[in-house]
N, C-alpha and C. Protein backbone atom coordinates (compact mmCIF):
# COMPACT_ATOMS: atom_id res chain seq x y z
N MET A 1 63.25 -162.15 -18.22
CA MET A 1 62.34 -162.48 -17.18
C MET A 1 60.71 -162.02 -17.76
N GLY A 2 59.74 -162.66 -17.89
CA GLY A 2 58.37 -162.25 -18.21
C GLY A 2 57.50 -161.30 -17.34
N ALA A 3 56.69 -160.98 -18.00
CA ALA A 3 55.69 -160.19 -17.27
C ALA A 3 55.25 -160.43 -15.86
N SER A 4 54.88 -159.50 -15.11
CA SER A 4 54.13 -160.04 -13.67
C SER A 4 52.85 -160.94 -14.16
N PRO A 5 52.63 -161.99 -13.28
CA PRO A 5 51.53 -162.83 -13.79
C PRO A 5 50.17 -162.20 -13.56
N TRP A 6 50.24 -160.98 -12.75
CA TRP A 6 48.75 -160.15 -12.50
C TRP A 6 48.76 -159.37 -13.67
N ILE A 7 49.65 -159.04 -14.56
CA ILE A 7 49.38 -158.03 -15.59
C ILE A 7 48.68 -158.80 -16.60
N VAL A 8 47.51 -158.53 -17.05
CA VAL A 8 46.68 -159.07 -18.07
C VAL A 8 47.07 -158.56 -19.59
N SER A 9 47.33 -159.51 -20.28
CA SER A 9 47.76 -159.54 -21.62
C SER A 9 46.79 -158.99 -22.55
N ASP A 10 47.14 -158.35 -23.84
CA ASP A 10 46.44 -157.98 -24.65
C ASP A 10 45.32 -158.89 -25.16
N GLU A 11 45.80 -160.21 -25.65
CA GLU A 11 45.45 -161.29 -25.88
C GLU A 11 43.98 -161.76 -25.03
N LEU A 12 44.41 -161.83 -23.82
CA LEU A 12 43.66 -162.46 -22.71
C LEU A 12 42.48 -161.35 -22.56
N TRP A 13 42.95 -160.18 -22.40
CA TRP A 13 42.00 -159.05 -22.41
C TRP A 13 41.00 -158.89 -23.29
N GLU A 14 41.12 -159.40 -24.62
CA GLU A 14 40.28 -159.27 -25.82
C GLU A 14 39.28 -160.68 -25.38
N ARG A 15 39.61 -161.36 -24.81
CA ARG A 15 38.61 -162.61 -24.45
C ARG A 15 37.62 -162.08 -23.46
N ILE A 16 38.48 -161.52 -22.39
CA ILE A 16 37.68 -161.18 -21.15
C ILE A 16 36.53 -159.89 -21.09
N GLU A 17 37.18 -158.76 -21.85
CA GLU A 17 36.39 -157.85 -21.74
C GLU A 17 34.86 -157.98 -22.28
N PRO A 18 34.71 -158.61 -23.64
CA PRO A 18 33.14 -158.75 -24.06
C PRO A 18 32.41 -159.47 -22.95
N LEU A 19 32.71 -160.31 -22.21
CA LEU A 19 32.23 -161.12 -21.05
C LEU A 19 31.92 -160.22 -19.86
N LEU A 20 32.46 -159.02 -19.52
CA LEU A 20 32.02 -158.10 -18.69
C LEU A 20 30.71 -157.33 -18.68
N PRO A 21 30.04 -157.47 -17.27
CA PRO A 21 28.80 -156.61 -17.70
C PRO A 21 29.10 -155.17 -17.79
N ARG A 22 28.23 -154.39 -18.50
CA ARG A 22 28.52 -152.91 -18.76
C ARG A 22 27.73 -152.13 -17.46
N ARG A 23 28.73 -151.30 -17.10
CA ARG A 23 27.92 -150.63 -16.06
C ARG A 23 27.75 -149.07 -16.50
N GLU A 24 26.49 -148.64 -16.39
CA GLU A 24 26.00 -147.38 -16.67
C GLU A 24 26.21 -146.48 -15.79
N ARG A 25 26.83 -145.26 -16.07
CA ARG A 25 27.36 -144.06 -15.27
C ARG A 25 26.08 -143.25 -15.03
N ARG A 26 25.91 -142.97 -13.91
CA ARG A 26 24.67 -142.03 -13.64
C ARG A 26 24.84 -140.50 -14.48
N PHE A 27 23.91 -140.09 -14.92
CA PHE A 27 24.06 -138.90 -15.43
C PHE A 27 23.84 -137.99 -14.61
N ARG A 28 23.05 -137.89 -13.63
CA ARG A 28 22.99 -136.82 -12.66
C ARG A 28 23.88 -137.22 -11.54
N TYR A 29 24.71 -136.37 -10.73
CA TYR A 29 25.94 -136.91 -9.72
C TYR A 29 26.37 -138.01 -10.16
N PRO A 30 27.35 -137.93 -11.21
CA PRO A 30 28.06 -139.30 -11.60
C PRO A 30 29.12 -139.67 -10.66
N GLY A 31 29.71 -138.72 -9.83
CA GLY A 31 30.61 -139.15 -8.91
C GLY A 31 31.88 -139.31 -9.66
N ARG A 32 32.88 -140.06 -8.99
CA ARG A 32 34.28 -139.97 -9.37
C ARG A 32 34.15 -141.00 -10.56
N ARG A 33 34.97 -140.84 -11.44
CA ARG A 33 35.25 -141.88 -12.52
C ARG A 33 35.58 -143.26 -12.30
N PRO A 34 34.84 -144.34 -12.71
CA PRO A 34 35.48 -145.56 -12.03
C PRO A 34 36.80 -146.09 -12.63
N LEU A 35 37.61 -147.00 -11.95
CA LEU A 35 38.59 -147.32 -12.74
C LEU A 35 38.23 -148.41 -13.90
N SER A 36 39.36 -148.28 -14.84
CA SER A 36 38.90 -149.40 -15.97
C SER A 36 39.01 -150.87 -15.47
N ASP A 37 37.99 -151.76 -16.10
CA ASP A 37 37.96 -153.05 -15.71
C ASP A 37 39.18 -153.74 -15.87
N ARG A 38 40.17 -153.32 -16.79
CA ARG A 38 41.29 -153.95 -16.81
C ARG A 38 42.30 -153.72 -15.69
N GLN A 39 42.37 -152.31 -15.21
CA GLN A 39 43.33 -152.01 -14.14
C GLN A 39 42.63 -152.94 -12.80
N VAL A 40 41.44 -152.94 -12.66
CA VAL A 40 40.57 -153.63 -11.36
C VAL A 40 41.11 -155.09 -11.55
N LEU A 41 41.00 -155.76 -12.87
CA LEU A 41 41.55 -156.99 -12.83
C LEU A 41 42.77 -157.62 -12.80
N CYS A 42 43.81 -156.61 -12.84
CA CYS A 42 45.12 -156.76 -12.54
C CYS A 42 45.53 -156.80 -10.99
N GLY A 43 44.33 -155.72 -10.27
CA GLY A 43 44.06 -155.88 -8.86
C GLY A 43 43.89 -156.94 -8.43
N ILE A 44 42.73 -157.81 -9.09
CA ILE A 44 42.13 -159.01 -8.49
C ILE A 44 43.54 -160.24 -8.46
N LEU A 45 44.10 -160.13 -9.69
CA LEU A 45 45.18 -161.15 -9.98
C LEU A 45 46.11 -160.84 -9.11
N TYR A 46 46.81 -159.71 -8.69
CA TYR A 46 47.71 -159.52 -7.75
C TYR A 46 47.44 -159.82 -6.39
N VAL A 47 45.96 -159.87 -6.04
CA VAL A 47 45.77 -160.15 -4.71
C VAL A 47 45.79 -161.87 -4.55
N LEU A 48 45.10 -162.07 -5.80
CA LEU A 48 44.98 -163.99 -5.69
C LEU A 48 46.37 -164.37 -5.76
N HIS A 49 47.36 -163.81 -6.62
CA HIS A 49 48.61 -164.47 -6.86
C HIS A 49 49.59 -164.48 -5.62
N THR A 50 49.41 -163.09 -4.92
CA THR A 50 50.19 -162.99 -3.69
C THR A 50 49.71 -163.46 -2.47
N GLY A 51 48.28 -163.45 -2.29
CA GLY A 51 47.76 -163.97 -1.01
C GLY A 51 47.31 -163.12 -0.05
N ILE A 52 48.02 -161.85 -0.44
CA ILE A 52 47.55 -160.59 0.69
C ILE A 52 45.92 -160.40 0.89
N GLN A 53 45.61 -159.62 2.05
CA GLN A 53 44.31 -159.55 2.13
C GLN A 53 44.06 -158.28 1.30
N TRP A 54 42.72 -158.35 0.91
CA TRP A 54 42.12 -157.38 0.04
C TRP A 54 42.51 -155.88 0.35
N GLN A 55 42.41 -155.79 1.69
CA GLN A 55 42.62 -154.19 2.34
C GLN A 55 44.03 -153.84 2.04
N TYR A 56 45.15 -154.75 1.85
CA TYR A 56 46.40 -154.27 2.04
C TYR A 56 46.93 -154.11 0.45
N LEU A 57 46.09 -154.12 -0.55
CA LEU A 57 46.51 -154.03 -2.05
C LEU A 57 47.02 -152.65 -2.09
N PRO A 58 48.63 -152.59 -2.46
CA PRO A 58 49.28 -151.37 -2.48
C PRO A 58 48.58 -150.32 -3.48
N GLN A 59 48.33 -149.02 -3.13
CA GLN A 59 47.82 -148.16 -3.94
C GLN A 59 48.60 -147.71 -4.99
N GLU A 60 49.80 -147.68 -4.74
CA GLU A 60 50.77 -147.37 -5.79
C GLU A 60 51.10 -148.15 -7.15
N LEU A 61 50.40 -149.42 -7.01
CA LEU A 61 50.32 -150.25 -8.08
C LEU A 61 49.31 -149.72 -9.19
N GLY A 62 48.43 -148.85 -8.89
CA GLY A 62 47.49 -148.17 -9.54
C GLY A 62 46.15 -149.12 -10.01
N PHE A 63 46.02 -149.97 -9.10
CA PHE A 63 44.91 -151.01 -9.31
C PHE A 63 43.48 -150.82 -8.76
N GLY A 64 43.53 -149.40 -7.83
CA GLY A 64 42.36 -148.98 -7.20
C GLY A 64 42.50 -149.82 -5.68
N SER A 65 41.65 -149.70 -4.91
CA SER A 65 41.81 -149.98 -3.63
C SER A 65 41.26 -151.56 -3.75
N GLY A 66 41.61 -152.23 -2.60
CA GLY A 66 41.60 -153.63 -2.42
C GLY A 66 39.87 -153.97 -2.48
N MET A 67 39.10 -152.97 -1.78
CA MET A 67 37.66 -152.98 -1.66
C MET A 67 37.17 -152.90 -3.19
N THR A 68 37.37 -151.96 -3.72
CA THR A 68 37.07 -151.75 -5.21
C THR A 68 36.99 -153.01 -6.18
N CYS A 69 38.25 -153.60 -5.66
CA CYS A 69 38.52 -155.01 -6.58
C CYS A 69 37.83 -156.00 -6.27
N TRP A 70 37.71 -156.10 -4.64
CA TRP A 70 36.88 -156.94 -4.31
C TRP A 70 35.10 -157.05 -4.99
N ARG A 71 34.69 -155.97 -4.61
CA ARG A 71 33.33 -155.47 -5.14
C ARG A 71 33.11 -155.98 -6.66
N ARG A 72 34.21 -155.62 -7.46
CA ARG A 72 33.96 -155.89 -8.99
C ARG A 72 33.93 -157.50 -8.96
N LEU A 73 34.96 -157.99 -8.34
CA LEU A 73 35.13 -159.51 -8.31
C LEU A 73 33.91 -160.25 -8.06
N ARG A 74 33.47 -159.65 -6.80
CA ARG A 74 31.96 -160.17 -6.51
C ARG A 74 30.70 -159.89 -7.65
N ASP A 75 30.79 -158.88 -8.27
CA ASP A 75 29.63 -158.38 -9.07
C ASP A 75 30.02 -159.38 -10.46
N TRP A 76 31.41 -159.55 -10.78
CA TRP A 76 31.66 -160.21 -12.16
C TRP A 76 31.36 -161.87 -11.80
N ASN A 77 31.41 -162.24 -10.61
CA ASN A 77 31.13 -163.63 -10.20
C ASN A 77 29.56 -163.82 -10.34
N ALA A 78 28.84 -162.64 -9.60
CA ALA A 78 27.47 -163.09 -9.69
C ALA A 78 26.89 -163.14 -11.28
N ALA A 79 27.49 -162.36 -12.04
CA ALA A 79 27.06 -162.25 -13.54
C ALA A 79 27.54 -163.10 -14.10
N GLY A 80 28.27 -164.38 -13.75
CA GLY A 80 28.75 -165.38 -14.39
C GLY A 80 29.73 -165.43 -15.50
N VAL A 81 30.62 -164.10 -15.17
CA VAL A 81 31.79 -163.96 -16.22
C VAL A 81 32.63 -165.13 -16.05
N TRP A 82 33.08 -165.66 -14.95
CA TRP A 82 34.13 -166.77 -14.90
C TRP A 82 33.80 -168.08 -15.50
N GLN A 83 32.32 -168.22 -15.21
CA GLN A 83 31.92 -169.59 -15.90
C GLN A 83 32.08 -169.45 -17.56
N ARG A 84 31.45 -168.15 -17.95
CA ARG A 84 31.46 -168.02 -19.52
C ARG A 84 32.87 -168.10 -20.04
N LEU A 85 33.82 -167.32 -19.49
CA LEU A 85 35.07 -167.30 -19.74
C LEU A 85 35.66 -168.83 -19.98
N HIS A 86 35.46 -169.64 -18.99
CA HIS A 86 35.92 -170.99 -18.98
C HIS A 86 35.21 -171.89 -20.25
N GLU A 87 33.96 -171.56 -20.42
CA GLU A 87 33.46 -172.22 -21.59
C GLU A 87 34.08 -171.66 -22.71
N VAL A 88 34.26 -170.51 -23.09
CA VAL A 88 34.90 -169.69 -23.98
C VAL A 88 36.23 -170.54 -24.43
N LEU A 89 37.15 -170.52 -23.32
CA LEU A 89 38.67 -171.13 -23.24
C LEU A 89 38.45 -172.64 -23.65
N LEU A 90 37.43 -173.33 -23.06
CA LEU A 90 37.35 -174.62 -23.21
C LEU A 90 37.09 -174.94 -24.85
N ALA A 91 36.16 -174.17 -25.48
CA ALA A 91 35.55 -174.01 -26.74
C ALA A 91 36.86 -174.06 -27.58
N GLU A 92 37.66 -173.09 -27.42
CA GLU A 92 38.89 -172.88 -28.10
C GLU A 92 39.57 -173.93 -28.27
N LEU A 93 39.79 -174.47 -27.29
CA LEU A 93 41.03 -175.50 -27.05
C LEU A 93 40.25 -176.97 -27.79
N ASN A 94 39.02 -177.30 -27.51
CA ASN A 94 38.29 -178.19 -28.23
C ASN A 94 38.48 -178.18 -29.66
N ALA A 95 37.91 -176.85 -30.21
CA ALA A 95 38.19 -176.48 -31.68
C ALA A 95 39.32 -176.65 -32.15
N ASP A 96 40.49 -176.57 -31.40
CA ASP A 96 42.01 -176.80 -31.99
C ASP A 96 42.45 -178.27 -31.66
N ARG A 97 41.72 -178.78 -30.90
CA ARG A 97 41.77 -180.31 -30.59
C ARG A 97 43.05 -180.26 -29.61
N LYS A 98 42.99 -179.66 -28.84
CA LYS A 98 44.06 -179.38 -27.68
C LYS A 98 43.62 -179.91 -26.30
N LEU A 99 42.26 -180.66 -26.28
CA LEU A 99 42.01 -181.18 -24.95
C LEU A 99 42.01 -182.58 -24.81
N ASP A 100 43.13 -182.88 -23.76
CA ASP A 100 43.20 -184.34 -23.59
C ASP A 100 42.20 -184.92 -22.62
N ARG A 101 41.23 -185.60 -23.24
CA ARG A 101 40.26 -186.15 -22.23
C ARG A 101 40.42 -187.14 -21.36
N SER A 102 41.58 -187.78 -21.79
CA SER A 102 41.83 -188.79 -21.00
C SER A 102 42.26 -188.66 -19.51
N ARG A 103 42.12 -187.45 -19.22
CA ARG A 103 42.72 -186.87 -17.81
C ARG A 103 41.28 -186.39 -16.94
N CYS A 104 40.25 -186.48 -17.78
CA CYS A 104 39.07 -185.79 -16.99
C CYS A 104 38.45 -186.45 -15.96
N VAL A 105 38.01 -185.70 -14.93
CA VAL A 105 37.49 -186.41 -13.77
C VAL A 105 35.97 -185.67 -13.63
N VAL A 106 35.03 -186.63 -13.71
CA VAL A 106 33.67 -186.20 -13.26
C VAL A 106 33.13 -186.59 -11.96
N ASP A 107 32.84 -185.74 -10.97
CA ASP A 107 32.41 -186.39 -9.78
C ASP A 107 30.88 -185.10 -9.14
N SER A 108 30.43 -185.59 -8.23
CA SER A 108 29.11 -184.88 -8.21
C SER A 108 29.19 -183.35 -7.80
N SER A 109 30.24 -183.00 -7.17
CA SER A 109 30.10 -181.38 -7.29
C SER A 109 30.21 -180.81 -8.16
N HIS A 110 30.44 -181.38 -9.47
CA HIS A 110 30.40 -180.67 -11.05
C HIS A 110 29.10 -181.07 -11.75
N VAL A 111 28.71 -182.44 -11.63
CA VAL A 111 27.68 -183.09 -12.40
C VAL A 111 26.70 -183.73 -11.53
N ARG A 112 25.48 -183.15 -11.60
CA ARG A 112 24.09 -183.41 -10.78
C ARG A 112 23.76 -184.90 -11.27
N ALA A 113 23.71 -185.64 -10.25
CA ALA A 113 23.23 -187.18 -10.06
C ALA A 113 21.74 -187.17 -10.08
N VAL A 114 20.92 -186.76 -11.08
CA VAL A 114 19.56 -186.62 -11.22
C VAL A 114 18.76 -188.02 -10.39
N LYS A 115 18.07 -188.09 -9.53
CA LYS A 115 17.31 -189.00 -8.87
C LYS A 115 18.35 -189.98 -8.38
N GLY A 116 19.55 -189.90 -7.92
CA GLY A 116 20.50 -190.93 -7.38
C GLY A 116 21.24 -191.40 -8.00
N GLY A 117 21.16 -190.80 -9.61
CA GLY A 117 22.16 -191.77 -10.49
C GLY A 117 21.49 -193.22 -10.82
N GLY A 118 22.24 -194.00 -11.40
CA GLY A 118 21.71 -195.43 -11.97
C GLY A 118 21.69 -196.19 -10.63
N THR A 119 21.72 -197.65 -11.23
CA THR A 119 21.61 -198.47 -10.17
C THR A 119 22.76 -198.80 -9.51
N ARG A 120 22.67 -199.12 -8.28
CA ARG A 120 24.26 -199.13 -7.30
C ARG A 120 24.85 -200.60 -7.63
N GLY A 121 25.86 -200.64 -7.61
CA GLY A 121 26.21 -201.98 -7.61
C GLY A 121 26.89 -202.47 -6.07
N ARG A 122 27.15 -203.66 -6.11
CA ARG A 122 27.57 -204.20 -4.99
C ARG A 122 28.79 -203.71 -4.33
N ARG A 123 29.13 -203.23 -3.45
CA ARG A 123 30.00 -202.65 -2.54
C ARG A 123 31.19 -203.64 -2.29
N ARG A 124 32.47 -203.46 -2.68
CA ARG A 124 33.49 -204.39 -2.56
C ARG A 124 34.21 -204.12 -1.10
N SER A 125 34.60 -204.83 -0.51
CA SER A 125 35.43 -204.73 0.58
C SER A 125 36.77 -204.17 0.30
N THR A 126 37.68 -203.31 0.94
CA THR A 126 38.85 -202.79 0.78
C THR A 126 39.89 -203.69 1.83
N GLY A 127 39.43 -204.47 2.60
CA GLY A 127 40.32 -205.03 3.54
C GLY A 127 39.91 -206.50 3.95
N ASP A 128 40.66 -207.04 4.59
CA ASP A 128 40.65 -208.56 4.80
C ASP A 128 39.46 -208.89 5.38
N GLY A 129 38.93 -208.19 6.63
CA GLY A 129 37.80 -208.57 7.37
C GLY A 129 37.13 -207.29 7.68
N PRO A 130 35.95 -207.45 8.50
CA PRO A 130 35.25 -206.20 8.88
C PRO A 130 36.01 -205.25 9.76
N ALA A 131 35.60 -203.84 9.53
CA ALA A 131 36.32 -202.73 10.41
C ALA A 131 36.36 -202.86 11.78
N ARG A 132 37.22 -202.36 12.59
CA ARG A 132 36.79 -202.35 14.06
C ARG A 132 36.06 -201.21 14.37
N ASN A 133 35.24 -201.40 15.27
CA ASN A 133 34.35 -200.30 15.97
C ASN A 133 35.17 -199.24 16.46
N THR A 134 35.11 -198.08 15.87
CA THR A 134 35.76 -196.96 16.57
C THR A 134 34.91 -196.05 17.47
N THR A 135 33.95 -196.38 17.81
CA THR A 135 33.13 -195.58 18.95
C THR A 135 33.62 -195.99 20.16
């Protein structure tokens, strides 16, 4: 049986770590040492994989509190980490010619249609006659 899906492999961590924003520790009153980003990422993946609520993340796993994981996820999302990781992985797949573009779909939630897009074609009916009024 393989490793748990929430444990980040060394190979994946090498790709993710350079994308994460650096947090400077305060010199004066530094507080408690923060958990490593890798441990927190494992906690995030655990919550996402199992579907539990953030506050129920088991402390004995060593991933920190659910709130810590949630805050880091929020910060990384705001910093664009996931978008950049997506782009890095797509570029690697494209370079290795492992992308099958025959299964790609483009819709307006991902690609903006500037000025409403091109000219519209005539709408074709999908039924035999006009639809019944449902009001």
